[in-house]
Protein backbone atom coordinates (compact mmCIF):
# COMPACT_ATOMS: atom_id res chain seq x y z
CA MET A 1 -16.07 -22.34 11.07
CA GLY A 2 -16.48 -26.11 10.61
CA TRP A 3 -18.31 -28.13 8.03
CA PHE A 4 -21.27 -28.76 10.28
CA SER A 5 -21.55 -25.34 11.85
CA SER A 6 -24.96 -23.73 11.99
CA GLN A 7 -23.47 -20.28 11.36
CA LYS A 8 -23.51 -18.88 7.86
CA ALA A 9 -20.26 -17.75 6.34
CA GLU A 10 -19.90 -14.01 5.97
CA GLN A 11 -19.40 -13.08 2.36
CA ALA A 12 -17.35 -10.06 1.45
CA SER A 13 -19.13 -7.81 -1.00
CA ALA A 14 -17.31 -6.74 -4.11
CA ALA A 15 -15.87 -3.25 -3.98
CA THR A 16 -17.78 -0.67 -5.96
CA ARG A 17 -16.14 1.94 -8.14
CA ASN A 18 -16.57 4.52 -5.36
CA ASP A 19 -15.04 2.13 -2.80
CA ARG A 20 -12.00 1.59 -5.00
CA GLN A 21 -11.63 5.32 -5.65
CA ARG A 22 -11.84 6.08 -1.92
CA CYS A 23 -9.23 3.40 -1.23
CA TRP A 24 -6.83 4.72 -3.87
CA GLU A 25 -7.21 8.30 -2.63
CA SER A 26 -6.56 7.19 0.96
CA ARG A 27 -3.53 5.19 -0.16
CA ASP A 28 -2.12 8.13 -2.09
CA LEU A 29 -2.55 10.50 0.87
CA TYR A 30 -0.94 8.00 3.24
CA PHE A 31 1.99 7.30 0.91
CA ASP A 32 2.49 11.05 0.33
CA CYS A 33 2.69 11.50 4.10
CA LEU A 34 5.22 8.65 4.33
CA ASP A 35 7.28 10.28 1.58
CA ARG A 36 7.28 13.62 3.42
CA ALA A 37 8.36 11.81 6.60
CA GLY A 38 11.11 9.93 4.72
CA VAL A 39 9.63 6.52 5.54
CA LEU A 40 9.74 3.72 2.97
CA LYS A 41 8.05 0.83 4.76
CA ALA A 42 4.45 1.45 5.79
CA GLY A 43 3.88 0.88 9.47
CA GLU A 44 7.31 2.15 10.54
CA GLU A 45 6.33 5.81 10.67
CA GLY A 46 5.52 5.94 14.37
CA ASN A 47 3.02 8.69 15.18
CA VAL A 48 3.65 10.77 12.06
CA CYS A 49 0.82 9.75 9.69
CA THR A 50 -1.82 8.41 12.06
CA LYS A 51 -4.79 10.20 10.46
CA GLU A 52 -3.81 9.12 6.94
CA LYS A 53 -3.05 5.56 8.07
CA ARG A 54 -6.42 5.25 9.80
CA ALA A 55 -8.24 6.39 6.63
CA TYR A 56 -6.14 3.99 4.52
CA GLU A 57 -6.93 1.04 6.76
CA THR A 58 -10.61 1.98 6.95
CA ASN A 59 -11.13 2.48 3.22
CA CYS A 60 -9.08 -0.42 1.86
CA ALA A 61 -9.39 -4.18 2.18
CA LYS A 62 -6.60 -5.90 4.14
CA SER A 63 -5.47 -7.80 1.04
CA TRP A 64 -5.23 -4.52 -0.90
CA ILE A 65 -3.22 -2.89 1.88
CA ASP A 66 -0.75 -5.79 1.89
CA TYR A 67 -0.43 -5.57 -1.90
CA PHE A 68 0.00 -1.77 -1.98
CA ASN A 69 2.60 -1.82 0.80
CA LYS A 70 4.67 -4.51 -0.95
CA ARG A 71 4.32 -2.69 -4.28
CA ARG A 72 5.61 0.52 -2.69
CA ILE A 73 8.83 -1.15 -1.59
CA LEU A 74 9.28 -2.96 -4.91
CA ALA A 75 8.75 0.25 -6.88
CA VAL A 76 11.49 2.04 -4.93
CA GLN A 77 13.85 -0.92 -5.36
CA GLN A 78 13.16 -1.02 -9.11
CA LYS A 79 13.72 2.73 -9.39
CA ASP A 80 17.06 2.42 -7.59
CA MET A 81 18.18 -0.51 -9.76
CA LEU A 82 17.20 1.36 -12.93
CA ALA A 83 19.15 4.45 -11.83
CA GLN A 84 22.17 2.29 -11.05
CA ALA A 85 21.98 0.57 -14.45
CA GLN A 86 21.73 3.93 -16.23
CA SER A 87 24.69 5.24 -14.27
CA GLN A 88 26.75 2.18 -15.20
CA ALA A 89 25.71 2.51 -18.86
CA ARG A 90 26.88 6.14 -18.91
CA GLY A 91 30.21 5.05 -17.41
CA VAL A 92 30.77 2.52 -20.18
CA LYS A 93 30.38 5.07 -23.00
């Protein structure tokens, strides 16, 4: 949309408490399904979690989905690094 366009910009409404709760519940169900399927990166599950993925994408804003998916990978990486550090610390004692 340009500066001189006659169309009005669509404004995204702020998420209500119920919207956020629905999003988080959908995310949790989708991520649980990914865990059961042994998939780390969302979107690489094939046809396994289609129902959960559809609910997740319907109930959450795109920016939230991007954030949650990146956070999922980072959390696993942090968990692995922490386990490795603890293992190395036990080896030093």
